[in-house]
């Protein structure tokens, strides 16, 4: 059985607070799958519509070969306690 490669993504739309995900495509070539993996990262990372992006490249045996996660979310800093007051 030939090894197949799959590119997947999960994104969070910050405007309507919805998660979406998809298996983009399947590939018999690791090089073609890597090319699509990087294309998906380039499309979604730093897009003002999304605040959370995860892209993965997996093989047909369930091995996660590449993955990346990006978020634009920056938590509010925790205020320092007033010491000595």
Protein backbone atom coordinates (compact mmCIF):
# COMPACT_ATOMS: atom_id res chain seq x y z
CA UNK A 1 0.00 0.00 0.00
CA UNK A 2 1.33 3.41 -1.02
CA UNK A 3 1.82 6.04 1.67
CA UNK A 4 -0.49 9.03 1.22
CA UNK A 5 -0.05 12.49 2.72
CA UNK A 6 -2.81 14.81 3.92
CA UNK A 7 -2.81 18.56 4.60
CA UNK A 8 -5.34 19.76 7.19
CA UNK A 9 -6.14 23.08 8.82
CA UNK A 10 -8.23 24.44 11.67
CA UNK A 11 -8.94 28.16 11.89
CA UNK A 12 -10.84 30.41 14.26
CA UNK A 13 -12.72 33.38 12.81
CA UNK A 14 -12.50 36.13 15.42
CA UNK A 15 -15.36 38.17 13.93
CA UNK A 16 -18.07 35.53 14.32
CA UNK A 17 -16.31 33.30 16.93
CA UNK A 18 -16.51 30.19 14.70
CA UNK A 19 -14.08 27.32 14.19
CA UNK A 20 -13.68 25.74 10.76
CA UNK A 21 -11.51 22.87 9.60
CA UNK A 22 -10.77 20.97 6.45
CA UNK A 23 -8.66 18.27 4.89
CA UNK A 24 -7.32 20.30 1.98
CA UNK A 25 -6.20 17.43 -0.22
CA UNK A 26 -4.33 14.13 -0.34
CA UNK A 27 -0.99 13.60 -2.07
CA UNK A 28 1.10 10.61 -3.08
CA UNK A 29 4.23 12.79 -3.04
CA UNK A 30 5.67 14.21 0.19
CA UNK A 31 7.14 17.14 -1.77
CA UNK A 32 3.72 18.07 -3.21
CA UNK A 33 2.17 17.79 0.26
CA UNK A 34 4.88 20.04 1.76
CA UNK A 35 4.24 22.61 -0.95
CA UNK A 36 0.51 22.65 -0.09
CA UNK A 37 1.27 22.74 3.65
CA UNK A 38 3.34 25.91 3.22
CA UNK A 39 0.73 27.42 0.90
CA UNK A 40 -1.96 26.96 3.57
CA UNK A 41 0.25 28.53 6.25
CA UNK A 42 0.86 31.51 3.99
CA UNK A 43 -2.84 31.97 3.30
CA UNK A 44 -4.07 31.99 6.89
CA UNK A 45 -1.27 33.24 9.16
CA UNK A 46 -1.60 36.97 9.92
CA UNK A 47 -4.93 37.25 8.11
CA UNK A 48 -6.90 39.87 10.08
CA UNK A 49 -10.04 37.72 9.90
CA UNK A 50 -8.48 34.87 11.90
CA UNK A 51 -6.95 34.85 15.38
CA UNK A 52 -5.96 31.17 15.58
CA UNK A 53 -4.56 28.94 12.84
CA UNK A 54 -3.31 25.34 12.96
CA UNK A 55 -1.98 23.58 9.85
CA UNK A 56 -0.77 19.96 9.76
CA UNK A 57 0.73 17.50 7.33
CA UNK A 58 0.02 13.88 8.23
CA UNK A 59 0.67 10.57 6.53
CA UNK A 60 -1.83 7.76 6.00
CA UNK A 61 -0.44 5.95 9.05
CA UNK A 62 -1.50 8.80 11.36
CA UNK A 63 1.97 10.27 11.81
CA UNK A 64 2.03 14.05 12.18
CA UNK A 65 4.96 15.03 9.98
CA UNK A 66 4.73 18.83 10.17
CA UNK A 67 2.51 21.16 12.14
CA UNK A 68 2.42 24.81 12.99
CA UNK A 69 0.19 26.93 15.20
CA UNK A 70 -0.18 30.70 15.11
CA UNK A 71 -2.33 33.08 17.12
CA UNK A 72 -2.78 36.83 17.12
CA UNK A 73 -4.29 36.66 20.59
CA UNK A 74 -2.23 38.54 23.15
CA UNK A 75 -3.50 38.12 26.71
CA UNK A 76 -3.93 41.18 28.88
CA UNK A 77 -1.02 41.55 31.28
CA UNK A 78 -1.75 40.68 34.88
CA UNK A 79 -1.51 43.81 37.02
CA UNK A 80 1.23 43.78 39.64
CA UNK A 81 -0.05 43.77 43.22
CA UNK A 82 0.48 46.98 45.16
CA UNK A 83 3.19 45.89 47.54
CA UNK A 84 3.59 47.90 50.74
CA UNK A 85 0.30 49.75 50.60
